[in-house]
C-alpha atoms as a PDB file:
ATOM      1  CA  MET A   1      -0.155  -0.281   0.240  1.00  0.00           C
ATOM      2  CA  SER A   2       0.922   3.677  -0.592  1.00  0.00           C
ATOM      3  CA  PHE A   3      -0.780   6.652   0.609  1.00  0.00           C
ATOM      4  CA  LEU A   4      -0.039  10.036  -1.341  1.00  0.00           C
ATOM      5  CA  VAL A   5      -0.869  14.274   0.302  1.00  0.00           C
ATOM      6  CA  ILE A   6      -0.855  16.817  -1.581  1.00  0.00           C
ATOM      7  CA  ASP A   7      -0.201  20.538  -0.002  1.00  0.00           C
ATOM      8  CA  ILE A   8      -1.639  22.856  -2.693  1.00  0.00           C
ATOM      9  CA  GLY A   9      -0.262  26.460  -1.579  1.00  0.00           C
ATOM     10  CA  ASN A  10      -0.338  29.712  -2.849  1.00  0.00           C
ATOM     11  CA  THR A  11       3.306  29.549  -4.768  1.00  0.00           C
ATOM     12  CA  ARG A  12       3.485  25.712  -5.204  1.00  0.00           C
ATOM     13  CA  LEU A  13       2.464  22.464  -4.914  1.00  0.00           C
ATOM     14  CA  LYS A  14       3.899  19.564  -2.498  1.00  0.00           C
ATOM     15  CA  TRP A  15       3.614  16.408  -2.820  1.00  0.00           C
ATOM     16  CA  GLY A  16       4.809  12.935  -1.469  1.00  0.00           C
ATOM     17  CA  LEU A  17       3.773   9.971  -0.909  1.00  0.00           C
ATOM     18  CA  TYR A  18       4.307   7.779   1.920  1.00  0.00           C
ATOM     19  CA  SER A  19       4.754   3.791   1.926  1.00  0.00           C
ATOM     20  CA  GLN A  20       0.769   4.409   4.492  1.00  0.00           C
ATOM     21  CA  GLY A  21      -1.174   6.744   5.580  1.00  0.00           C
ATOM     22  CA  LEU A  22      -0.475   6.957   8.730  1.00  0.00           C
ATOM     23  CA  PRO A  23       1.676   9.370  10.917  1.00  0.00           C
ATOM     24  CA  GLY A  24       5.862   8.198  11.011  1.00  0.00           C
ATOM     25  CA  ALA A  25       5.001   6.292   7.583  1.00  0.00           C
ATOM     26  CA  THR A  26       8.332   5.896   5.268  1.00  0.00           C
ATOM     27  CA  LEU A  27       8.160   8.923   2.552  1.00  0.00           C
ATOM     28  CA  LEU A  28       9.025   6.941  -0.597  1.00  0.00           C
ATOM     29  CA  ALA A  29       9.121  10.546  -3.202  1.00  0.00           C
ATOM     30  CA  HIS A  30       8.346  13.776  -2.659  1.00  0.00           C
ATOM     31  CA  ALA A  31       8.841  16.933  -4.691  1.00  0.00           C
ATOM     32  CA  ALA A  32       7.324  20.686  -5.116  1.00  0.00           C
ATOM     33  CA  VAL A  33       6.620  22.325  -8.860  1.00  0.00           C
ATOM     34  CA  VAL A  34       5.423  25.931  -8.831  1.00  0.00           C
ATOM     35  CA  LEU A  35       2.511  26.476  -9.215  1.00  0.00           C
ATOM     36  CA  GLU A  36       2.963  27.170 -13.246  1.00  0.00           C
ATOM     37  CA  ASP A  37       3.663  23.528 -13.878  1.00  0.00           C
ATOM     38  CA  ILE A  38       1.031  22.058 -12.626  1.00  0.00           C
ATOM     39  CA  ASP A  39      -0.509  20.316 -16.020  1.00  0.00           C
ATOM     40  CA  HIS A  40       3.394  18.605 -15.982  1.00  0.00           C
ATOM     41  CA  LEU A  41       2.421  16.906 -12.801  1.00  0.00           C
ATOM     42  CA  TRP A  42       1.060  13.950 -14.338  1.00  0.00           C
ATOM     43  CA  THR A  43       4.066  13.521 -17.045  1.00  0.00           C
ATOM     44  CA  GLN A  44       7.321  14.739 -15.228  1.00  0.00           C
ATOM     45  CA  GLU A  45       6.116  13.884 -11.746  1.00  0.00           C
ATOM     46  CA  TRP A  46       3.586  10.740 -11.830  1.00  0.00           C
ATOM     47  CA  GLN A  47       3.811   8.431 -14.327  1.00  0.00           C
ATOM     48  CA  ALA A  48       6.647   6.707 -13.192  1.00  0.00           C
ATOM     49  CA  LEU A  49       5.343   6.136  -9.834  1.00  0.00           C
ATOM     50  CA  ALA A  50       3.227   2.833  -9.150  1.00  0.00           C
ATOM     51  CA  ALA A  51      -0.711   4.555  -8.255  1.00  0.00           C
ATOM     52  CA  PRO A  52      -1.304   5.137  -4.589  1.00  0.00           C
ATOM     53  CA  ASP A  53      -3.992   3.527  -2.620  1.00  0.00           C
ATOM     54  CA  ALA A  54      -5.805   6.608  -1.639  1.00  0.00           C
ATOM     55  CA  MET A  55      -4.664  10.410  -1.333  1.00  0.00           C
ATOM     56  CA  LEU A  56      -5.498  13.493   0.869  1.00  0.00           C
ATOM     57  CA  GLY A  57      -5.025  16.666   1.144  1.00  0.00           C
ATOM     58  CA  CYS A  58      -5.380  20.515   1.501  1.00  0.00           C
ATOM     59  CA  VAL A  59      -5.272  23.765  -0.826  1.00  0.00           C
ATOM     60  CA  VAL A  60      -5.559  27.336  -0.596  1.00  0.00           C
ATOM     61  CA  ALA A  61      -5.263  28.621  -4.417  1.00  0.00           C
ATOM     62  CA  GLY A  62      -8.442  28.055  -5.284  1.00  0.00           C
ATOM     63  CA  ASP A  63     -10.551  25.473  -6.993  1.00  0.00           C
ATOM     64  CA  ALA A  64      -9.962  25.654 -10.504  1.00  0.00           C
ATOM     65  CA  ILE A  65      -5.969  25.035  -9.336  1.00  0.00           C
ATOM     66  CA  LYS A  66      -7.557  21.804  -7.190  1.00  0.00           C
ATOM     67  CA  ARG A  67      -9.298  20.654 -10.594  1.00  0.00           C
ATOM     68  CA  ARG A  68      -6.332  20.464 -12.634  1.00  0.00           C
ATOM     69  CA  VAL A  69      -4.469  18.379 -10.036  1.00  0.00           C
ATOM     70  CA  GLU A  70      -7.872  16.307  -9.882  1.00  0.00           C
ATOM     71  CA  GLU A  71      -7.331  15.774 -13.920  1.00  0.00           C
ATOM     72  CA  GLN A  72      -4.432  14.035 -13.032  1.00  0.00           C
ATOM     73  CA  LEU A  73      -5.016  12.133 -10.028  1.00  0.00           C
ATOM     74  CA  ALA A  74      -7.742  10.097 -12.535  1.00  0.00           C
ATOM     75  CA  ASN A  75      -4.974   8.542 -14.523  1.00  0.00           C
ATOM     76  CA  TRP A  76      -4.228   6.529 -11.350  1.00  0.00           C
ATOM     77  CA  GLY A  77      -8.468   6.497 -10.868  1.00  0.00           C
ATOM     78  CA  VAL A  78      -7.519   7.731  -7.158  1.00  0.00           C
ATOM     79  CA  LYS A  79     -10.136   9.351  -5.118  1.00  0.00           C
ATOM     80  CA  PRO A  80      -9.176  12.737  -4.570  1.00  0.00           C
ATOM     81  CA  ARG A  81      -9.890  14.001  -1.058  1.00  0.00           C
ATOM     82  CA  TRP A  82      -9.185  17.222   0.553  1.00  0.00           C
ATOM     83  CA  VAL A  83      -9.000  18.690   4.002  1.00  0.00           C
ATOM     84  CA  VAL A  84     -11.572  20.709   5.516  1.00  0.00           C
ATOM     85  CA  SER A  85     -11.268  22.806   8.555  1.00  0.00           C
ATOM     86  CA  SER A  86     -13.501  21.229  11.270  1.00  0.00           C
ATOM     87  CA  ALA A  87     -14.893  22.142  15.182  1.00  0.00           C
ATOM     88  CA  ARG A  88     -12.830  19.090  15.617  1.00  0.00           C
ATOM     89  CA  ALA A  89     -10.634  17.077  14.638  1.00  0.00           C
ATOM     90  CA  SER A  90      -7.329  14.480  15.321  1.00  0.00           C
ATOM     91  CA  GLY A  91      -6.913  15.419  19.710  1.00  0.00           C
ATOM     92  CA  VAL A  92      -7.355  18.984  18.765  1.00  0.00           C
ATOM     93  CA  VAL A  93     -10.570  21.625  19.146  1.00  0.00           C
ATOM     94  CA  ASN A  94     -10.559  24.496  16.964  1.00  0.00           C
ATOM     95  CA  GLY A  95     -10.597  28.019  18.715  1.00  0.00           C
ATOM     96  CA  TYR A  96     -10.892  30.025  15.212  1.00  0.00           C
ATOM     97  CA  GLU A  97     -14.661  31.986  15.583  1.00  0.00           C
ATOM     98  CA  HIS A  98     -15.388  30.385  12.181  1.00  0.00           C
ATOM     99  CA  PRO A  99     -13.914  26.734  12.002  1.00  0.00           C
ATOM    100  CA  ALA A 100     -15.206  26.639   8.962  1.00  0.00           C
ATOM    101  CA  ARG A 101     -12.746  29.144   7.863  1.00  0.00           C
ATOM    102  CA  LEU A 102      -9.788  28.499   9.014  1.00  0.00           C
ATOM    103  CA  GLY A 103      -7.219  27.100   6.123  1.00  0.00           C
ATOM    104  CA  ALA A 104      -7.024  24.116   5.643  1.00  0.00           C
ATOM    105  CA  ASP A 105      -3.134  24.843   5.282  1.00  0.00           C
ATOM    106  CA  ARG A 106      -2.810  25.879   9.417  1.00  0.00           C
ATOM    107  CA  TRP A 107      -5.707  23.462  10.083  1.00  0.00           C
ATOM    108  CA  ALA A 108      -3.177  20.509   8.693  1.00  0.00           C
ATOM    109  CA  ALA A 109      -0.051  22.632  10.303  1.00  0.00           C
ATOM    110  CA  ILE A 110      -1.310  22.876  13.909  1.00  0.00           C
ATOM    111  CA  ILE A 111      -2.482  18.858  14.027  1.00  0.00           C
ATOM    112  CA  GLY A 112       1.224  17.887  12.673  1.00  0.00           C
ATOM    113  CA  ALA A 113       2.419  20.490  15.364  1.00  0.00           C
ATOM    114  CA  ARG A 114       0.417  19.066  18.253  1.00  0.00           C
ATOM    115  CA  GLN A 115       1.719  15.716  17.255  1.00  0.00           C
ATOM    116  CA  ARG A 116       4.818  16.743  17.808  1.00  0.00           C
ATOM    117  CA  ALA A 117       3.893  17.826  21.397  1.00  0.00           C
ATOM    118  CA  LEU A 118       2.602  14.500  22.041  1.00  0.00           C
ATOM    119  CA  GLN A 119       5.643  12.859  21.059  1.00  0.00           C
ATOM    120  CA  VAL A 120       7.135  15.180  23.600  1.00  0.00           C
ATOM    121  CA  SER A 121       5.235  14.181  26.512  1.00  0.00           C
ATOM    122  CA  ALA A 122       2.240  11.910  25.614  1.00  0.00           C
ATOM    123  CA  ASP A 123       1.250  12.089  29.221  1.00  0.00           C
ATOM    124  CA  ALA A 124       1.703  15.669  29.782  1.00  0.00           C
ATOM    125  CA  PRO A 125       2.538  17.876  25.941  1.00  0.00           C
ATOM    126  CA  PRO A 126       3.739  21.256  26.091  1.00  0.00           C
ATOM    127  CA  PRO A 127       1.718  24.023  24.519  1.00  0.00           C
ATOM    128  CA  VAL A 128       2.972  24.820  21.103  1.00  0.00           C
ATOM    129  CA  LEU A 129       3.597  27.867  18.682  1.00  0.00           C
ATOM    130  CA  ALA A 130       3.450  26.047  15.176  1.00  0.00           C
ATOM    131  CA  VAL A 131       4.384  28.444  11.872  1.00  0.00           C
ATOM    132  CA  MET A 132       4.527  28.239   8.934  1.00  0.00           C
ATOM    133  CA  VAL A 133       6.863  29.975   6.783  1.00  0.00           C
ATOM    134  CA  GLY A 134       6.286  30.556   2.821  1.00  0.00           C
ATOM    135  CA  THR A 135       4.462  32.991   1.320  1.00  0.00           C
ATOM    136  CA  ALA A 136       2.518  34.083   3.789  1.00  0.00           C
ATOM    137  CA  VAL A 137       3.785  33.770   7.231  1.00  0.00           C
ATOM    138  CA  THR A 138       1.252  32.127  10.283  1.00  0.00           C
ATOM    139  CA  VAL A 139       1.975  31.778  13.549  1.00  0.00           C
ATOM    140  CA  ASP A 140      -0.279  29.628  15.659  1.00  0.00           C
ATOM    141  CA  ALA A 141      -0.608  28.799  19.198  1.00  0.00           C
ATOM    142  CA  VAL A 142      -2.347  25.577  20.634  1.00  0.00           C
ATOM    143  CA  ASP A 143      -2.737  24.997  24.210  1.00  0.00           C
ATOM    144  CA  VAL A 144      -1.815  21.848  26.760  1.00  0.00           C
ATOM    145  CA  GLN A 145      -4.815  20.337  26.375  1.00  0.00           C
ATOM    146  CA  GLY A 146      -5.261  20.962  22.450  1.00  0.00           C
ATOM    147  CA  ARG A 147      -6.945  23.546  22.143  1.00  0.00           C
ATOM    148  CA  PHE A 148      -5.743  26.064  19.122  1.00  0.00           C
ATOM    149  CA  LEU A 149      -6.132  29.326  20.363  1.00  0.00           C
ATOM    150  CA  GLY A 150      -6.141  31.537  17.069  1.00  0.00           C
ATOM    151  CA  GLY A 151      -2.527  32.684  15.186  1.00  0.00           C
ATOM    152  CA  LEU A 152      -1.624  35.648  12.877  1.00  0.00           C
ATOM    153  CA  ILE A 153      -1.387  35.735   9.691  1.00  0.00           C
ATOM    154  CA  MET A 154       1.759  38.376   8.365  1.00  0.00           C
ATOM    155  CA  PRO A 155       3.534  38.920   4.722  1.00  0.00           C
ATOM    156  CA  GLY A 156       6.126  36.646   3.926  1.00  0.00           C
ATOM    157  CA  PHE A 157       9.638  37.317   2.807  1.00  0.00           C
ATOM    158  CA  GLY A 158       9.088  38.014  -1.080  1.00  0.00           C
ATOM    159  CA  LEU A 159       5.662  40.171   0.327  1.00  0.00           C
ATOM    160  CA  MET A 160       7.241  42.167   2.113  1.00  0.00           C
ATOM    161  CA  TYR A 161      10.258  42.973  -0.433  1.00  0.00           C
ATOM    162  CA  ARG A 162       7.729  43.146  -2.628  1.00  0.00           C
ATOM    163  CA  ALA A 163       5.808  45.791  -0.641  1.00  0.00           C
ATOM    164  CA  LEU A 164       8.607  48.233  -0.356  1.00  0.00           C
ATOM    165  CA  GLU A 165       9.932  48.124  -3.948  1.00  0.00           C
ATOM    166  CA  SER A 166       6.637  49.457  -5.104  1.00  0.00           C
ATOM    167  CA  GLY A 167       5.443  51.534  -2.618  1.00  0.00           C
ATOM    168  CA  THR A 168       9.571  53.965  -2.404  1.00  0.00           C
ATOM    169  CA  ALA A 169      11.640  55.005  -4.461  1.00  0.00           C
ATOM    170  CA  GLY A 170      14.934  53.115  -4.955  1.00  0.00           C
ATOM    171  CA  LEU A 171      14.743  50.341  -3.198  1.00  0.00           C
ATOM    172  CA  LYS A 172      14.891  47.550  -5.625  1.00  0.00           C
ATOM    173  CA  VAL A 173      17.580  46.220  -4.508  1.00  0.00           C
ATOM    174  CA  PRO A 174      20.151  42.753  -4.775  1.00  0.00           C
ATOM    175  CA  THR A 175      18.965  40.614  -1.805  1.00  0.00           C
ATOM    176  CA  GLY A 176      21.268  40.895   1.366  1.00  0.00           C
ATOM    177  CA  GLU A 177      22.190  39.222   4.559  1.00  0.00           C
ATOM    178  CA  VAL A 178      21.074  39.920   8.443  1.00  0.00           C
ATOM    179  CA  HIS A 179      23.221  42.137  10.581  1.00  0.00           C
ATOM    180  CA  ASP A 180      22.568  43.010  13.977  1.00  0.00           C
ATOM    181  CA  PHE A 181      23.280  46.887  12.344  1.00  0.00           C
ATOM    182  CA  PRO A 182      23.024  46.417   8.604  1.00  0.00           C
ATOM    183  CA  THR A 183      25.351  49.697   6.585  1.00  0.00           C
ATOM    184  CA  ASN A 184      23.618  48.958   3.051  1.00  0.00           C
ATOM    185  CA  THR A 185      19.969  49.181   1.976  1.00  0.00           C
ATOM    186  CA  SER A 186      20.269  45.419   0.617  1.00  0.00           C
ATOM    187  CA  ASP A 187      21.459  44.364   4.195  1.00  0.00           C
ATOM    188  CA  ALA A 188      18.643  46.519   6.176  1.00  0.00           C
ATOM    189  CA  LEU A 189      15.726  44.618   3.486  1.00  0.00           C
ATOM    190  CA  MET A 190      17.230  41.516   4.386  1.00  0.00           C
ATOM    191  CA  SER A 191      17.465  42.028   8.347  1.00  0.00           C
ATOM    192  CA  GLY A 192      14.357  44.429   8.850  1.00  0.00           C
ATOM    193  CA  GLY A 193      12.003  41.533   7.083  1.00  0.00           C
ATOM    194  CA  THR A 194      13.740  38.648   9.351  1.00  0.00           C
ATOM    195  CA  ASP A 195      13.476  41.087  12.648  1.00  0.00           C
ATOM    196  CA  ALA A 196       9.238  41.648  11.774  1.00  0.00           C
ATOM    197  CA  ILE A 197       8.817  38.057  11.814  1.00  0.00           C
ATOM    198  CA  ALA A 198      11.411  36.420  14.093  1.00  0.00           C
ATOM    199  CA  GLY A 199       9.905  39.499  16.871  1.00  0.00           C
ATOM    200  CA  ALA A 200       5.973  38.223  15.778  1.00  0.00           C
ATOM    201  CA  ILE A 201       7.262  34.698  16.771  1.00  0.00           C
ATOM    202  CA  GLU A 202       9.062  35.725  19.982  1.00  0.00           C
ATOM    203  CA  ARG A 203       5.814  37.735  21.112  1.00  0.00           C
ATOM    204  CA  SER A 204       3.824  35.188  20.515  1.00  0.00           C
ATOM    205  CA  LEU A 205       5.600  32.669  22.127  1.00  0.00           C
ATOM    206  CA  ARG A 206       6.066  34.762  24.790  1.00  0.00           C
ATOM    207  CA  ARG A 207       1.682  35.639  25.276  1.00  0.00           C
ATOM    208  CA  LEU A 208       1.270  31.371  25.209  1.00  0.00           C
ATOM    209  CA  GLN A 209       3.894  31.067  28.089  1.00  0.00           C
ATOM    210  CA  GLN A 210       1.886  33.201  29.974  1.00  0.00           C
ATOM    211  CA  HIS A 211      -1.191  32.220  29.175  1.00  0.00           C
ATOM    212  CA  THR A 212      -0.848  28.732  30.388  1.00  0.00           C
ATOM    213  CA  GLY A 213       1.900  28.821  32.463  1.00  0.00           C
ATOM    214  CA  ARG A 214       3.997  26.364  30.655  1.00  0.00           C
ATOM    215  CA  GLU A 215       7.247  27.010  28.032  1.00  0.00           C
ATOM    216  CA  PRO A 216       5.975  26.381  24.341  1.00  0.00           C
ATOM    217  CA  LEU A 217       7.386  23.916  21.845  1.00  0.00           C
ATOM    218  CA  LEU A 218       8.785  26.804  18.578  1.00  0.00           C
ATOM    219  CA  VAL A 219       7.341  24.249  15.638  1.00  0.00           C
ATOM    220  CA  MET A 220       8.358  25.299  12.244  1.00  0.00           C
ATOM    221  CA  SER A 221       8.642  24.458   8.387  1.00  0.00           C
ATOM    222  CA  GLY A 222       7.938  25.871   5.473  1.00  0.00           C
ATOM    223  CA  GLY A 223       9.811  26.375   2.005  1.00  0.00           C
ATOM    224  CA  ALA A 224      11.481  30.033   3.394  1.00  0.00           C
ATOM    225  CA  VAL A 225      11.863  28.351   6.487  1.00  0.00           C
ATOM    226  CA  SER A 226      15.848  28.290   6.152  1.00  0.00           C
ATOM    227  CA  ARG A 227      15.664  32.202   6.307  1.00  0.00           C
ATOM    228  CA  LEU A 228      15.296  31.895   9.908  1.00  0.00           C
ATOM    229  CA  ALA A 229      17.458  28.774  10.806  1.00  0.00           C
ATOM    230  CA  HIS A 230      20.233  31.310  11.766  1.00  0.00           C
ATOM    231  CA  VAL A 231      18.402  33.559  14.163  1.00  0.00           C
ATOM    232  CA  THR A 232      19.550  31.583  17.916  1.00  0.00           C
ATOM    233  CA  GLU A 233      17.168  33.004  19.909  1.00  0.00           C
ATOM    234  CA  LEU A 234      14.321  31.551  19.200  1.00  0.00           C
ATOM    235  CA  PRO A 235      14.293  27.654  20.111  1.00  0.00           C
ATOM    236  CA  VAL A 236      12.911  26.375  17.586  1.00  0.00           C
ATOM    237  CA  ARG A 237      12.602  22.797  16.085  1.00  0.00           C
ATOM    238  CA  VAL A 238      12.557  22.710  12.095  1.00  0.00           C
ATOM    239  CA  VAL A 239      10.588  20.327  10.802  1.00  0.00           C
ATOM    240  CA  GLU A 240      11.011  19.306   6.677  1.00  0.00           C
ATOM    241  CA  ASN A 241       6.784  18.764   5.880  1.00  0.00           C
ATOM    242  CA  LEU A 242       4.668  19.014   9.140  1.00  0.00           C
ATOM    243  CA  ILE A 243       1.772  20.032   6.719  1.00  0.00           C
ATOM    244  CA  PHE A 244       2.256  16.242   5.716  1.00  0.00           C
ATOM    245  CA  GLU A 245       2.508  14.412   9.428  1.00  0.00           C
ATOM    246  CA  GLY A 246      -0.687  16.565   9.988  1.00  0.00           C
ATOM    247  CA  LEU A 247      -2.383  14.553   6.319  1.00  0.00           C
ATOM    248  CA  LEU A 248      -1.235  11.137   7.614  1.00  0.00           C
ATOM    249  CA  THR A 249      -3.057  12.113  11.071  1.00  0.00           C
ATOM    250  CA  LEU A 250      -5.708  13.061   9.364  1.00  0.00           C
ATOM    251  CA  ALA A 251      -5.811  10.433   7.254  1.00  0.00           C
ATOM    252  CA  SER A 252      -5.245   7.484  10.248  1.00  0.00           C
ATOM    253  CA  GLU A 253      -8.786   8.815  11.594  1.00  0.00           C
ATOM    254  CA  ALA A 254     -10.574   8.917   9.046  1.00  0.00           C
END
């Protein structure tokens, strides 16, 4: 048996083929493609693979993109199943004001992060902060009982830089490096974006610790997470495929 998970984000489609639809399953193959190239998924990525027995995915890019992916899944004869955020799943209570409006990718990441907290201690799991760093950055808090308390959405690195380029004169410069006290515009932009995102994470960590009285577990993932890897002030655990872990957890209970 094999199981396919798909995460269709705002910029890329990420997929992983696992030995089974269970947490901890072996990853057999995986890749990521930009959305402009998804019509070539079958010929360039999937055609050479054995057909999975089932799949589960999350999509935030819209119905048109989802339909294009479903057309290629049909070559395998696999029935498409897509996550919809719910009031409760996998031991996590969704505290969003309107649970169904929570992005499916955030919901999967939150569930994956909660599983990471349970791995630390099944009897007394720590609160956990799930951070996804991609086109947008999401910072979501889960308490010790597994209740999703809420979270932040902010621009990712690329959106920040493009906003500055379009809204100011003379800021279209090469990518710089992070420094404590930048002395050129490129480094000032990179350092400013990094500090903005890291600062939001630090504030959320502090609020979650004050709210729960426990030191939270910080879990980060996403395509641009490496840009925060050097921020040593954050006690972070980087997880390569957090959304996939959440999808496998949801699949195991379906």
